[in-house]
């Protein structure tokens, strides 16, 4: 019997979210809508631009957001990641504990260096642009893995951002191999267009001979498949996974399998901040799938949770918000 619904590996980042104008974003030289890796000097430059804007600070990291969402919905989650012995690292560990997520961080933390952080710059059109300082998360390695806990999980989930880290990619692949040996389902998110453009070999390695669940948004799918034709994208993506979730923002989600295709519409909302929407969708979808619901029901829960998170500032919802969404989207779990 499985102990965890989801075992994930990814970057541990503390988010600082700033509301900025398009003019300021341009003046900062930030690539809109995408994730850019930054070093210490660049981080200092960017922080100087927003020194008079009060940030919102939350636990973050793509897979981190996903495991938290699943745990808040009532699932069991384990997260492998890396933080330092510093104030941000303490904040991150306490945040996971408060959300009910188990982690390797109780036993393994970097003795030197800084915990990773992400500047999330949100413009008035609700788009988020991310500048990520990985810190010690860039050194995530196989020490962070708990093989025995992978064995007792239903799904092993890989964050595509790890394709940019040689040690992180190696760790993700080692965990993948362990999951395959244990008969655990595999899941991958493509994460960001920048990963496809610059780190596609790493993503291809994570895909291997295919995964059970693949998460991609429309722009990522277009770049991966080198086409804007939805039918052609579907043909290509189906070769990568048994179940593909192609999220299309306000146009909902397409769920694709070898035999079927479903379009699951999204709730119409006014988007304020798109940070965390894809992570939220993945966490809600995998919660529903691991609790016996159909792909369409899972995508419906994912759409509703993502719609709620883009309707507010910040990358997370409260447990209460998620439970309300779950109660009216999913039938009662018997």
C-alpha atoms as a PDB file:
ATOM      1  CA  UNK A   1       0.000   0.000   0.000  1.00  0.00           C
ATOM      2  CA  UNK A   2       1.316   3.453  -0.939  1.00  0.00           C
ATOM      3  CA  UNK A   3       2.249   5.838   1.860  1.00  0.00           C
ATOM      4  CA  UNK A   4       2.506   8.974  -0.303  1.00  0.00           C
ATOM      5  CA  UNK A   5       0.242  10.106  -3.130  1.00  0.00           C
ATOM      6  CA  UNK A   6       3.041  12.237  -4.566  1.00  0.00           C
ATOM      7  CA  UNK A   7       6.828  12.277  -4.245  1.00  0.00           C
ATOM      8  CA  UNK A   8       8.359  15.332  -5.937  1.00  0.00           C
ATOM      9  CA  UNK A   9      11.823  16.715  -6.544  1.00  0.00           C
ATOM     10  CA  UNK A  10      12.535  20.330  -7.400  1.00  0.00           C
ATOM     11  CA  UNK A  11      14.001  23.676  -6.422  1.00  0.00           C
ATOM     12  CA  UNK A  12      13.310  25.113  -2.971  1.00  0.00           C
ATOM     13  CA  UNK A  13      12.779  28.854  -3.390  1.00  0.00           C
ATOM     14  CA  UNK A  14      11.338  31.579  -1.228  1.00  0.00           C
ATOM     15  CA  UNK A  15       9.231  33.901  -3.403  1.00  0.00           C
ATOM     16  CA  UNK A  16       9.230  37.666  -3.006  1.00  0.00           C
ATOM     17  CA  UNK A  17       6.458  39.074  -5.163  1.00  0.00           C
ATOM     18  CA  UNK A  18       6.418  42.686  -6.352  1.00  0.00           C
ATOM     19  CA  UNK A  19       3.729  44.576  -8.260  1.00  0.00           C
ATOM     20  CA  UNK A  20       5.485  46.560 -10.972  1.00  0.00           C
ATOM     21  CA  UNK A  21       4.577  48.599 -14.042  1.00  0.00           C
ATOM     22  CA  UNK A  22       5.457  47.498 -17.556  1.00  0.00           C
ATOM     23  CA  UNK A  23       7.766  50.490 -17.801  1.00  0.00           C
ATOM     24  CA  UNK A  24       9.678  49.434 -14.685  1.00  0.00           C
ATOM     25  CA  UNK A  25       9.894  45.839 -15.900  1.00  0.00           C
ATOM     26  CA  UNK A  26      11.369  47.072 -19.189  1.00  0.00           C
ATOM     27  CA  UNK A  27      13.765  49.375 -17.366  1.00  0.00           C
ATOM     28  CA  UNK A  28      14.926  46.416 -15.271  1.00  0.00           C
ATOM     29  CA  UNK A  29      15.671  44.458 -18.456  1.00  0.00           C
ATOM     30  CA  UNK A  30      13.532  41.488 -17.442  1.00  0.00           C
ATOM     31  CA  UNK A  31      12.101  39.043 -19.991  1.00  0.00           C
ATOM     32  CA  UNK A  32       8.346  39.266 -19.538  1.00  0.00           C
ATOM     33  CA  UNK A  33       6.290  36.128 -18.701  1.00  0.00           C
ATOM     34  CA  UNK A  34       9.360  33.886 -18.437  1.00  0.00           C
ATOM     35  CA  UNK A  35      11.838  32.652 -15.847  1.00  0.00           C
ATOM     36  CA  UNK A  36      15.410  33.940 -15.947  1.00  0.00           C
ATOM     37  CA  UNK A  37      18.241  32.606 -13.787  1.00  0.00           C
ATOM     38  CA  UNK A  38      20.257  35.353 -12.090  1.00  0.00           C
ATOM     39  CA  UNK A  39      23.476  35.554 -10.091  1.00  0.00           C
ATOM     40  CA  UNK A  40      24.284  37.578  -6.983  1.00  0.00           C
ATOM     41  CA  UNK A  41      25.331  40.848  -8.755  1.00  0.00           C
ATOM     42  CA  UNK A  42      22.253  40.772 -11.020  1.00  0.00           C
ATOM     43  CA  UNK A  43      20.030  40.097  -8.017  1.00  0.00           C
ATOM     44  CA  UNK A  44      21.446  43.179  -6.292  1.00  0.00           C
ATOM     45  CA  UNK A  45      20.756  45.293  -9.399  1.00  0.00           C
ATOM     46  CA  UNK A  46      17.161  44.125  -9.588  1.00  0.00           C
ATOM     47  CA  UNK A  47      16.526  44.600  -5.871  1.00  0.00           C
ATOM     48  CA  UNK A  48      17.718  48.216  -6.176  1.00  0.00           C
ATOM     49  CA  UNK A  49      14.911  48.857  -8.671  1.00  0.00           C
ATOM     50  CA  UNK A  50      12.197  47.615  -6.283  1.00  0.00           C
ATOM     51  CA  UNK A  51      13.620  48.796  -2.956  1.00  0.00           C
ATOM     52  CA  UNK A  52      10.594  51.041  -2.368  1.00  0.00           C
ATOM     53  CA  UNK A  53       8.003  48.366  -3.256  1.00  0.00           C
ATOM     54  CA  UNK A  54       6.930  46.146  -0.323  1.00  0.00           C
ATOM     55  CA  UNK A  55       7.087  42.472  -1.363  1.00  0.00           C
ATOM     56  CA  UNK A  56       4.866  39.552  -0.407  1.00  0.00           C
ATOM     57  CA  UNK A  57       6.968  36.618   0.813  1.00  0.00           C
ATOM     58  CA  UNK A  58       5.821  33.013   0.509  1.00  0.00           C
ATOM     59  CA  UNK A  59       7.266  29.553   0.119  1.00  0.00           C
ATOM     60  CA  UNK A  60       7.712  28.789  -3.568  1.00  0.00           C
ATOM     61  CA  UNK A  61       9.455  26.701  -6.164  1.00  0.00           C
ATOM     62  CA  UNK A  62       7.340  25.079  -8.870  1.00  0.00           C
ATOM     63  CA  UNK A  63       7.193  21.551  -7.475  1.00  0.00           C
ATOM     64  CA  UNK A  64       7.048  22.982  -3.967  1.00  0.00           C
ATOM     65  CA  UNK A  65       3.818  24.794  -4.853  1.00  0.00           C
ATOM     66  CA  UNK A  66       2.454  21.587  -6.355  1.00  0.00           C
ATOM     67  CA  UNK A  67       3.105  19.369  -3.333  1.00  0.00           C
ATOM     68  CA  UNK A  68       1.643  21.985  -1.005  1.00  0.00           C
ATOM     69  CA  UNK A  69      -1.549  22.174  -3.091  1.00  0.00           C
ATOM     70  CA  UNK A  70      -1.910  18.388  -3.045  1.00  0.00           C
ATOM     71  CA  UNK A  71      -1.328  18.243   0.717  1.00  0.00           C
ATOM     72  CA  UNK A  72      -3.824  21.034   1.398  1.00  0.00           C
ATOM     73  CA  UNK A  73      -6.451  19.096  -0.565  1.00  0.00           C
ATOM     74  CA  UNK A  74      -5.932  16.137   1.764  1.00  0.00           C
ATOM     75  CA  UNK A  75      -3.201  14.156   0.000  1.00  0.00           C
ATOM     76  CA  UNK A  76       0.107  12.839   1.341  1.00  0.00           C
ATOM     77  CA  UNK A  77       3.226  14.418  -0.182  1.00  0.00           C
ATOM     78  CA  UNK A  78       7.017  14.202   0.120  1.00  0.00           C
ATOM     79  CA  UNK A  79       9.357  16.848  -1.303  1.00  0.00           C
ATOM     80  CA  UNK A  80      13.082  16.446  -2.029  1.00  0.00           C
ATOM     81  CA  UNK A  81      14.879  19.787  -2.261  1.00  0.00           C
ATOM     82  CA  UNK A  82      17.782  21.768  -0.793  1.00  0.00           C
ATOM     83  CA  UNK A  83      18.046  24.829   1.449  1.00  0.00           C
ATOM     84  CA  UNK A  84      20.805  26.362   3.565  1.00  0.00           C
ATOM     85  CA  UNK A  85      21.111  26.939   7.301  1.00  0.00           C
ATOM     86  CA  UNK A  86      19.903  30.545   7.048  1.00  0.00           C
ATOM     87  CA  UNK A  87      16.790  32.581   7.762  1.00  0.00           C
ATOM     88  CA  UNK A  88      15.176  31.822   4.392  1.00  0.00           C
ATOM     89  CA  UNK A  89      15.955  28.137   4.831  1.00  0.00           C
ATOM     90  CA  UNK A  90      14.266  28.134   8.237  1.00  0.00           C
ATOM     91  CA  UNK A  91      11.268  29.906   6.705  1.00  0.00           C
ATOM     92  CA  UNK A  92      11.018  27.311   3.941  1.00  0.00           C
ATOM     93  CA  UNK A  93      11.254  24.293   6.254  1.00  0.00           C
ATOM     94  CA  UNK A  94       8.609  25.697   8.611  1.00  0.00           C
ATOM     95  CA  UNK A  95       6.332  26.468   5.651  1.00  0.00           C
ATOM     96  CA  UNK A  96       6.454  22.865   4.379  1.00  0.00           C
ATOM     97  CA  UNK A  97       5.869  21.532   7.887  1.00  0.00           C
ATOM     98  CA  UNK A  98       2.887  23.837   8.384  1.00  0.00           C
ATOM     99  CA  UNK A  99       1.369  22.592   5.116  1.00  0.00           C
ATOM    100  CA  UNK A 100       1.783  18.939   6.080  1.00  0.00           C
ATOM    101  CA  UNK A 101       4.484  18.088   3.516  1.00  0.00           C
ATOM    102  CA  UNK A 102       7.220  15.629   4.501  1.00  0.00           C
ATOM    103  CA  UNK A 103      10.731  16.440   3.316  1.00  0.00           C
ATOM    104  CA  UNK A 104      14.391  15.491   3.430  1.00  0.00           C
ATOM    105  CA  UNK A 105      15.216  18.888   4.972  1.00  0.00           C
ATOM    106  CA  UNK A 106      14.876  17.553   8.504  1.00  0.00           C
ATOM    107  CA  UNK A 107      18.087  15.611   7.866  1.00  0.00           C
ATOM    108  CA  UNK A 108      19.981  17.283   5.000  1.00  0.00           C
ATOM    109  CA  UNK A 109      20.646  21.022   4.694  1.00  0.00           C
ATOM    110  CA  UNK A 110      23.625  22.819   3.160  1.00  0.00           C
ATOM    111  CA  UNK A 111      26.131  23.997   5.747  1.00  0.00           C
ATOM    112  CA  UNK A 112      27.225  26.963   3.612  1.00  0.00           C
ATOM    113  CA  UNK A 113      25.639  29.217   1.008  1.00  0.00           C
ATOM    114  CA  UNK A 114      22.244  30.871   0.674  1.00  0.00           C
ATOM    115  CA  UNK A 115      18.760  29.445   0.270  1.00  0.00           C
ATOM    116  CA  UNK A 116      17.345  30.044  -3.195  1.00  0.00           C
ATOM    117  CA  UNK A 117      14.942  32.891  -3.808  1.00  0.00           C
ATOM    118  CA  UNK A 118      12.767  34.133  -6.632  1.00  0.00           C
ATOM    119  CA  UNK A 119      11.749  37.682  -7.466  1.00  0.00           C
ATOM    120  CA  UNK A 120       8.264  37.484  -8.947  1.00  0.00           C
ATOM    121  CA  UNK A 121       7.414  40.656 -10.857  1.00  0.00           C
ATOM    122  CA  UNK A 122       3.690  41.021 -11.556  1.00  0.00           C
ATOM    123  CA  UNK A 123       2.521  43.597 -14.120  1.00  0.00           C
ATOM    124  CA  UNK A 124      -0.992  45.115 -14.361  1.00  0.00           C
ATOM    125  CA  UNK A 125      -1.991  42.554 -17.041  1.00  0.00           C
ATOM    126  CA  UNK A 126      -1.510  39.787 -14.397  1.00  0.00           C
ATOM    127  CA  UNK A 127       1.548  38.323 -16.136  1.00  0.00           C
ATOM    128  CA  UNK A 128       4.377  37.154 -13.892  1.00  0.00           C
ATOM    129  CA  UNK A 129       8.051  37.437 -14.780  1.00  0.00           C
ATOM    130  CA  UNK A 130      10.475  35.538 -12.576  1.00  0.00           C
ATOM    131  CA  UNK A 131      14.112  36.197 -11.733  1.00  0.00           C
ATOM    132  CA  UNK A 132      15.473  33.193  -9.902  1.00  0.00           C
ATOM    133  CA  UNK A 133      18.554  33.065  -7.713  1.00  0.00           C
ATOM    134  CA  UNK A 134      19.017  29.349  -7.117  1.00  0.00           C
ATOM    135  CA  UNK A 135      21.531  29.616  -4.295  1.00  0.00           C
ATOM    136  CA  UNK A 136      22.222  26.179  -2.808  1.00  0.00           C
ATOM    137  CA  UNK A 137      19.295  24.734  -4.783  1.00  0.00           C
ATOM    138  CA  UNK A 138      21.670  24.731  -7.774  1.00  0.00           C
ATOM    139  CA  UNK A 139      23.620  22.037  -5.872  1.00  0.00           C
ATOM    140  CA  UNK A 140      20.622  19.759  -5.285  1.00  0.00           C
ATOM    141  CA  UNK A 141      21.905  16.207  -5.634  1.00  0.00           C
ATOM    142  CA  UNK A 142      21.089  12.572  -4.925  1.00  0.00           C
ATOM    143  CA  UNK A 143      21.651  13.052  -1.177  1.00  0.00           C
ATOM    144  CA  UNK A 144      18.232  14.708  -1.112  1.00  0.00           C
ATOM    145  CA  UNK A 145      16.520  11.538  -2.328  1.00  0.00           C
ATOM    146  CA  UNK A 146      14.709   9.143  -0.002  1.00  0.00           C
ATOM    147  CA  UNK A 147      14.566   6.003  -2.165  1.00  0.00           C
ATOM    148  CA  UNK A 148      12.413   4.072   0.307  1.00  0.00           C
ATOM    149  CA  UNK A 149       9.798   6.839   0.204  1.00  0.00           C
ATOM    150  CA  UNK A 150       9.844   6.864  -3.607  1.00  0.00           C
ATOM    151  CA  UNK A 151       9.035   3.148  -3.429  1.00  0.00           C
ATOM    152  CA  UNK A 152       5.954   3.878  -1.304  1.00  0.00           C
ATOM    153  CA  UNK A 153       4.527   6.620  -3.520  1.00  0.00           C
ATOM    154  CA  UNK A 154       1.852   6.594  -6.207  1.00  0.00           C
ATOM    155  CA  UNK A 155       3.451   9.251  -8.453  1.00  0.00           C
ATOM    156  CA  UNK A 156       7.043  10.471  -8.797  1.00  0.00           C
ATOM    157  CA  UNK A 157       6.980  14.078 -10.062  1.00  0.00           C
ATOM    158  CA  UNK A 158       9.923  15.889 -11.664  1.00  0.00           C
ATOM    159  CA  UNK A 159      10.202  19.669 -11.950  1.00  0.00           C
ATOM    160  CA  UNK A 160      11.436  20.620 -15.414  1.00  0.00           C
ATOM    161  CA  UNK A 161      13.513  23.484 -14.043  1.00  0.00           C
ATOM    162  CA  UNK A 162      16.006  20.872 -12.806  1.00  0.00           C
ATOM    163  CA  UNK A 163      17.092  20.446 -16.427  1.00  0.00           C
ATOM    164  CA  UNK A 164      19.241  23.552 -15.885  1.00  0.00           C
ATOM    165  CA  UNK A 165      21.216  21.962 -13.029  1.00  0.00           C
ATOM    166  CA  UNK A 166      23.673  19.106 -13.766  1.00  0.00           C
ATOM    167  CA  UNK A 167      23.442  17.724 -10.222  1.00  0.00           C
ATOM    168  CA  UNK A 168      19.710  18.363  -9.967  1.00  0.00           C
ATOM    169  CA  UNK A 169      19.073  16.614 -13.263  1.00  0.00           C
ATOM    170  CA  UNK A 170      21.201  13.661 -12.173  1.00  0.00           C
ATOM    171  CA  UNK A 171      19.218  13.421  -8.926  1.00  0.00           C
ATOM    172  CA  UNK A 172      15.877  13.638 -10.752  1.00  0.00           C
ATOM    173  CA  UNK A 173      16.954  10.859 -13.105  1.00  0.00           C
ATOM    174  CA  UNK A 174      18.172   8.675 -10.237  1.00  0.00           C
ATOM    175  CA  UNK A 175      14.797   9.081  -8.584  1.00  0.00           C
ATOM    176  CA  UNK A 176      13.096   8.316 -11.882  1.00  0.00           C
ATOM    177  CA  UNK A 177      15.008   5.070 -12.209  1.00  0.00           C
ATOM    178  CA  UNK A 178      14.064   4.088  -8.657  1.00  0.00           C
ATOM    179  CA  UNK A 179      10.408   4.883  -9.354  1.00  0.00           C
ATOM    180  CA  UNK A 180      10.407   2.748 -12.489  1.00  0.00           C
ATOM    181  CA  UNK A 181      11.908  -0.180 -10.563  1.00  0.00           C
ATOM    182  CA  UNK A 182       9.207   0.182  -7.892  1.00  0.00           C
ATOM    183  CA  UNK A 183       6.365   0.465 -10.408  1.00  0.00           C
ATOM    184  CA  UNK A 184       5.617   4.076  -9.410  1.00  0.00           C
ATOM    185  CA  UNK A 185       3.928   6.320 -12.006  1.00  0.00           C
ATOM    186  CA  UNK A 186       6.050   9.113 -13.510  1.00  0.00           C
ATOM    187  CA  UNK A 187       5.079  12.755 -13.984  1.00  0.00           C
ATOM    188  CA  UNK A 188       6.902  15.755 -15.459  1.00  0.00           C
ATOM    189  CA  UNK A 189       6.171  19.437 -15.939  1.00  0.00           C
ATOM    190  CA  UNK A 190       7.983  21.257 -18.752  1.00  0.00           C
ATOM    191  CA  UNK A 191       8.079  24.264 -16.386  1.00  0.00           C
ATOM    192  CA  UNK A 192       9.004  27.136 -18.698  1.00  0.00           C
ATOM    193  CA  UNK A 193       9.787  28.028 -22.306  1.00  0.00           C
ATOM    194  CA  UNK A 194      13.355  28.906 -21.282  1.00  0.00           C
ATOM    195  CA  UNK A 195      13.942  25.300 -20.212  1.00  0.00           C
ATOM    196  CA  UNK A 196      12.790  24.040 -23.615  1.00  0.00           C
ATOM    197  CA  UNK A 197      14.938  26.526 -25.513  1.00  0.00           C
ATOM    198  CA  UNK A 198      18.128  26.079 -23.523  1.00  0.00           C
ATOM    199  CA  UNK A 199      17.850  22.774 -21.634  1.00  0.00           C
ATOM    200  CA  UNK A 200      15.785  20.528 -23.892  1.00  0.00           C
ATOM    201  CA  UNK A 201      18.269  17.661 -23.643  1.00  0.00           C
ATOM    202  CA  UNK A 202      17.673  17.525 -19.893  1.00  0.00           C
ATOM    203  CA  UNK A 203      13.901  17.502 -20.333  1.00  0.00           C
ATOM    204  CA  UNK A 204      14.252  14.772 -22.946  1.00  0.00           C
ATOM    205  CA  UNK A 205      16.254  12.708 -20.453  1.00  0.00           C
ATOM    206  CA  UNK A 206      13.518  13.158 -17.830  1.00  0.00           C
ATOM    207  CA  UNK A 207      10.932  12.016 -20.354  1.00  0.00           C
ATOM    208  CA  UNK A 208      13.033   8.958 -21.217  1.00  0.00           C
ATOM    209  CA  UNK A 209      10.867   6.409 -22.963  1.00  0.00           C
ATOM    210  CA  UNK A 210       7.763   8.222 -21.758  1.00  0.00           C
ATOM    211  CA  UNK A 211       5.992   9.290 -18.566  1.00  0.00           C
ATOM    212  CA  UNK A 212       2.517   8.679 -17.227  1.00  0.00           C
ATOM    213  CA  UNK A 213       1.582  12.344 -16.803  1.00  0.00           C
ATOM    214  CA  UNK A 214       2.933  15.389 -18.641  1.00  0.00           C
ATOM    215  CA  UNK A 215       1.999  18.978 -17.792  1.00  0.00           C
ATOM    216  CA  UNK A 216       2.601  21.795 -20.290  1.00  0.00           C
ATOM    217  CA  UNK A 217       1.018  25.141 -21.007  1.00  0.00           C
ATOM    218  CA  UNK A 218       0.163  26.270 -24.524  1.00  0.00           C
ATOM    219  CA  UNK A 219       3.305  28.345 -25.098  1.00  0.00           C
ATOM    220  CA  UNK A 220       5.565  25.535 -23.882  1.00  0.00           C
ATOM    221  CA  UNK A 221       3.792  23.051 -26.150  1.00  0.00           C
ATOM    222  CA  UNK A 222       4.107  25.374 -29.133  1.00  0.00           C
ATOM    223  CA  UNK A 223       7.851  25.746 -28.621  1.00  0.00           C
ATOM    224  CA  UNK A 224       8.393  22.040 -27.901  1.00  0.00           C
ATOM    225  CA  UNK A 225       6.411  20.942 -30.950  1.00  0.00           C
ATOM    226  CA  UNK A 226       7.471  23.870 -33.174  1.00  0.00           C
ATOM    227  CA  UNK A 227       3.882  24.463 -34.277  1.00  0.00           C
ATOM    228  CA  UNK A 228       0.796  26.456 -33.263  1.00  0.00           C
ATOM    229  CA  UNK A 229      -1.580  23.843 -34.652  1.00  0.00           C
ATOM    230  CA  UNK A 230      -3.422  22.180 -31.751  1.00  0.00           C
ATOM    231  CA  UNK A 231      -3.983  18.917 -33.597  1.00  0.00           C
ATOM    232  CA  UNK A 232      -0.308  18.593 -34.496  1.00  0.00           C
ATOM    233  CA  UNK A 233       0.683  19.432 -30.922  1.00  0.00           C
ATOM    234  CA  UNK A 234      -1.630  16.710 -29.700  1.00  0.00           C
ATOM    235  CA  UNK A 235      -0.076  14.138 -32.009  1.00  0.00           C
ATOM    236  CA  UNK A 236       3.423  14.972 -30.802  1.00  0.00           C
ATOM    237  CA  UNK A 237       2.631  15.258 -27.091  1.00  0.00           C
ATOM    238  CA  UNK A 238       0.761  11.943 -27.016  1.00  0.00           C
ATOM    239  CA  UNK A 239       4.048  10.243 -27.915  1.00  0.00           C
ATOM    240  CA  UNK A 240       5.607  11.568 -24.690  1.00  0.00           C
ATOM    241  CA  UNK A 241       3.056  10.535 -22.059  1.00  0.00           C
ATOM    242  CA  UNK A 242       0.097   8.302 -21.381  1.00  0.00           C
ATOM    243  CA  UNK A 243      -1.862  11.350 -20.189  1.00  0.00           C
ATOM    244  CA  UNK A 244      -1.085  14.907 -21.279  1.00  0.00           C
ATOM    245  CA  UNK A 245      -2.527  18.006 -19.619  1.00  0.00           C
ATOM    246  CA  UNK A 246      -2.237  20.946 -22.020  1.00  0.00           C
ATOM    247  CA  UNK A 247      -3.281  24.022 -20.042  1.00  0.00           C
ATOM    248  CA  UNK A 248      -4.519  26.986 -22.045  1.00  0.00           C
ATOM    249  CA  UNK A 249      -5.181  29.669 -19.460  1.00  0.00           C
ATOM    250  CA  UNK A 250      -8.678  31.169 -19.818  1.00  0.00           C
ATOM    251  CA  UNK A 251      -9.439  28.582 -22.518  1.00  0.00           C
ATOM    252  CA  UNK A 252      -9.202  25.734 -20.027  1.00  0.00           C
ATOM    253  CA  UNK A 253      -7.314  22.476 -20.457  1.00  0.00           C
ATOM    254  CA  UNK A 254      -7.042  19.710 -23.027  1.00  0.00           C
ATOM    255  CA  UNK A 255      -6.535  16.238 -21.560  1.00  0.00           C
ATOM    256  CA  UNK A 256      -5.058  13.834 -24.090  1.00  0.00           C
ATOM    257  CA  UNK A 257      -4.557  10.076 -24.003  1.00  0.00           C
ATOM    258  CA  UNK A 258      -3.798   7.574 -26.770  1.00  0.00           C
ATOM    259  CA  UNK A 259      -7.519   6.846 -27.207  1.00  0.00           C
ATOM    260  CA  UNK A 260      -9.298  10.007 -26.076  1.00  0.00           C
ATOM    261  CA  UNK A 261      -9.185  13.790 -25.958  1.00  0.00           C
ATOM    262  CA  UNK A 262     -11.278  15.971 -23.677  1.00  0.00           C
ATOM    263  CA  UNK A 263     -11.525  19.736 -23.504  1.00  0.00           C
ATOM    264  CA  UNK A 264     -12.252  20.889 -19.975  1.00  0.00           C
ATOM    265  CA  UNK A 265     -13.362  24.557 -19.895  1.00  0.00           C
ATOM    266  CA  UNK A 266     -12.070  27.031 -17.338  1.00  0.00           C
ATOM    267  CA  UNK A 267     -14.112  29.247 -15.073  1.00  0.00           C
ATOM    268  CA  UNK A 268     -14.179  32.831 -16.360  1.00  0.00           C
ATOM    269  CA  UNK A 269     -12.397  35.068 -13.866  1.00  0.00           C
ATOM    270  CA  UNK A 270     -10.518  38.346 -13.841  1.00  0.00           C
ATOM    271  CA  UNK A 271      -6.839  37.429 -13.630  1.00  0.00           C
ATOM    272  CA  UNK A 272      -4.796  39.507 -11.207  1.00  0.00           C
ATOM    273  CA  UNK A 273      -1.632  37.409 -10.845  1.00  0.00           C
ATOM    274  CA  UNK A 274      -0.793  34.254 -12.830  1.00  0.00           C
ATOM    275  CA  UNK A 275       2.089  33.214 -10.558  1.00  0.00           C
ATOM    276  CA  UNK A 276       1.646  29.580  -9.468  1.00  0.00           C
ATOM    277  CA  UNK A 277      -1.315  28.770 -11.727  1.00  0.00           C
ATOM    278  CA  UNK A 278       0.332  25.831 -13.500  1.00  0.00           C
ATOM    279  CA  UNK A 279       1.761  24.476 -10.243  1.00  0.00           C
ATOM    280  CA  UNK A 280      -1.671  24.668  -8.629  1.00  0.00           C
ATOM    281  CA  UNK A 281      -3.278  22.875 -11.576  1.00  0.00           C
ATOM    282  CA  UNK A 282      -0.749  20.030 -11.383  1.00  0.00           C
ATOM    283  CA  UNK A 283      -1.187  19.584  -7.620  1.00  0.00           C
ATOM    284  CA  UNK A 284      -4.981  19.530  -7.834  1.00  0.00           C
ATOM    285  CA  UNK A 285      -4.966  17.200 -10.850  1.00  0.00           C
ATOM    286  CA  UNK A 286      -2.652  14.687  -9.195  1.00  0.00           C
ATOM    287  CA  UNK A 287      -4.625  14.805  -5.959  1.00  0.00           C
ATOM    288  CA  UNK A 288      -7.788  13.829  -7.833  1.00  0.00           C
ATOM    289  CA  UNK A 289      -6.075  11.170  -9.955  1.00  0.00           C
ATOM    290  CA  UNK A 290      -4.529   9.512  -6.892  1.00  0.00           C
ATOM    291  CA  UNK A 291      -7.925   9.458  -5.169  1.00  0.00           C
ATOM    292  CA  UNK A 292      -9.808   7.584  -7.857  1.00  0.00           C
ATOM    293  CA  UNK A 293     -11.257  10.366  -9.973  1.00  0.00           C
ATOM    294  CA  UNK A 294     -11.297  10.497 -13.783  1.00  0.00           C
ATOM    295  CA  UNK A 295      -8.917  12.673 -15.820  1.00  0.00           C
ATOM    296  CA  UNK A 296     -11.812  15.016 -16.677  1.00  0.00           C
ATOM    297  CA  UNK A 297     -12.765  15.392 -13.000  1.00  0.00           C
ATOM    298  CA  UNK A 298      -9.100  15.923 -12.126  1.00  0.00           C
ATOM    299  CA  UNK A 299      -8.708  18.594 -14.812  1.00  0.00           C
ATOM    300  CA  UNK A 300     -11.884  20.300 -13.642  1.00  0.00           C
ATOM    301  CA  UNK A 301     -10.495  20.504 -10.108  1.00  0.00           C
ATOM    302  CA  UNK A 302      -7.196  21.783 -11.526  1.00  0.00           C
ATOM    303  CA  UNK A 303      -8.946  24.462 -13.575  1.00  0.00           C
ATOM    304  CA  UNK A 304     -11.021  25.669 -10.641  1.00  0.00           C
ATOM    305  CA  UNK A 305      -8.018  25.807  -8.297  1.00  0.00           C
ATOM    306  CA  UNK A 306      -5.900  27.622 -10.897  1.00  0.00           C
ATOM    307  CA  UNK A 307      -8.709  30.104 -11.547  1.00  0.00           C
ATOM    308  CA  UNK A 308      -8.877  30.872  -7.839  1.00  0.00           C
ATOM    309  CA  UNK A 309      -5.134  31.422  -7.532  1.00  0.00           C
ATOM    310  CA  UNK A 310      -4.951  33.820 -10.517  1.00  0.00           C
ATOM    311  CA  UNK A 311      -7.845  35.802  -9.025  1.00  0.00           C
ATOM    312  CA  UNK A 312      -5.660  36.930  -6.119  1.00  0.00           C
ATOM    313  CA  UNK A 313      -2.104  38.005  -5.452  1.00  0.00           C
ATOM    314  CA  UNK A 314       0.245  35.209  -4.457  1.00  0.00           C
ATOM    315  CA  UNK A 315       1.093  31.685  -5.562  1.00  0.00           C
ATOM    316  CA  UNK A 316      -0.903  29.720  -2.978  1.00  0.00           C
ATOM    317  CA  UNK A 317      -4.460  29.276  -1.728  1.00  0.00           C
ATOM    318  CA  UNK A 318      -5.520  28.570   1.830  1.00  0.00           C
ATOM    319  CA  UNK A 319      -6.567  25.088   2.852  1.00  0.00           C
ATOM    320  CA  UNK A 320     -10.062  26.452   3.389  1.00  0.00           C
ATOM    321  CA  UNK A 321     -10.256  27.829  -0.149  1.00  0.00           C
ATOM    322  CA  UNK A 322      -9.129  24.531  -1.622  1.00  0.00           C
ATOM    323  CA  UNK A 323     -11.556  22.502   0.458  1.00  0.00           C
ATOM    324  CA  UNK A 324     -14.449  24.659  -0.742  1.00  0.00           C
ATOM    325  CA  UNK A 325     -13.373  24.123  -4.364  1.00  0.00           C
ATOM    326  CA  UNK A 326     -12.977  20.396  -3.795  1.00  0.00           C
ATOM    327  CA  UNK A 327     -16.431  20.132  -2.211  1.00  0.00           C
ATOM    328  CA  UNK A 328     -18.269  21.506  -5.221  1.00  0.00           C
ATOM    329  CA  UNK A 329     -16.079  20.102  -8.018  1.00  0.00           C
ATOM    330  CA  UNK A 330     -15.571  16.502  -6.898  1.00  0.00           C
ATOM    331  CA  UNK A 331     -18.175  13.972  -5.802  1.00  0.00           C
ATOM    332  CA  UNK A 332     -17.778  12.814  -2.235  1.00  0.00           C
ATOM    333  CA  UNK A 333     -14.874  10.394  -1.825  1.00  0.00           C
ATOM    334  CA  UNK A 334     -16.272   7.082  -0.665  1.00  0.00           C
END
